[in-house]
């Protein structure tokens, strides 16, 4: 089964910054991990209120 993919528009500068951060992962894996980290931080922040 083929995984569906979409495209996003980012500037070359942002793409270059992402490339330096992703450490041998695919962009999809890296962005998914980044989303997970953000969601965890948001949960921590909301539970401290």
Protein backbone atom coordinates (compact mmCIF):
# COMPACT_ATOMS: atom_id res chain seq x y z
CA UNK A 1 0.00 0.00 0.00
CA UNK A 2 1.40 3.37 -1.02
CA UNK A 3 1.55 6.13 1.60
CA UNK A 4 -0.09 9.36 0.53
CA UNK A 5 2.14 12.43 0.54
CA UNK A 6 1.52 16.12 0.13
CA UNK A 7 3.86 18.99 -0.58
CA UNK A 8 4.50 22.14 1.40
CA UNK A 9 6.00 25.41 0.28
CA UNK A 10 8.96 26.67 2.29
CA UNK A 11 11.71 29.14 1.55
CA UNK A 12 15.16 27.85 0.59
CA UNK A 13 16.50 29.32 3.84
CA UNK A 14 14.01 27.34 5.93
CA UNK A 15 14.71 24.19 3.92
CA UNK A 16 18.43 24.59 4.60
CA UNK A 17 17.82 25.06 8.33
CA UNK A 18 15.61 21.95 8.42
CA UNK A 19 18.23 19.97 6.54
CA UNK A 20 20.87 20.81 9.16
CA UNK A 21 18.53 19.69 11.95
CA UNK A 22 17.09 16.46 10.61
CA UNK A 23 20.10 14.13 11.25
CA UNK A 24 19.65 11.36 8.68
CA UNK A 25 15.89 11.11 8.97
CA UNK A 26 13.45 11.69 6.21
CA UNK A 27 11.71 15.04 6.31
CA UNK A 28 8.47 13.23 7.11
CA UNK A 29 10.02 11.48 10.12
CA UNK A 30 11.70 14.65 11.31
CA UNK A 31 8.57 16.80 11.03
CA UNK A 32 6.47 14.16 12.73
CA UNK A 33 8.96 14.03 15.61
CA UNK A 34 8.94 17.83 15.79
CA UNK A 35 5.13 17.84 16.00
CA UNK A 36 5.25 15.23 18.77
CA UNK A 37 7.73 17.32 20.73
CA UNK A 38 5.60 20.41 20.34
CA UNK A 39 2.46 18.60 21.47
CA UNK A 40 4.25 17.20 24.53
CA UNK A 41 5.45 20.68 25.49
CA UNK A 42 1.94 22.07 25.09
CA UNK A 43 0.57 19.34 27.37
CA UNK A 44 3.23 20.08 29.96
CA UNK A 45 2.49 23.76 29.79
CA UNK A 46 -1.27 23.31 30.09
CA UNK A 47 -0.93 20.90 33.04
CA UNK A 48 1.16 23.47 34.98
CA UNK A 49 -1.70 25.99 34.99
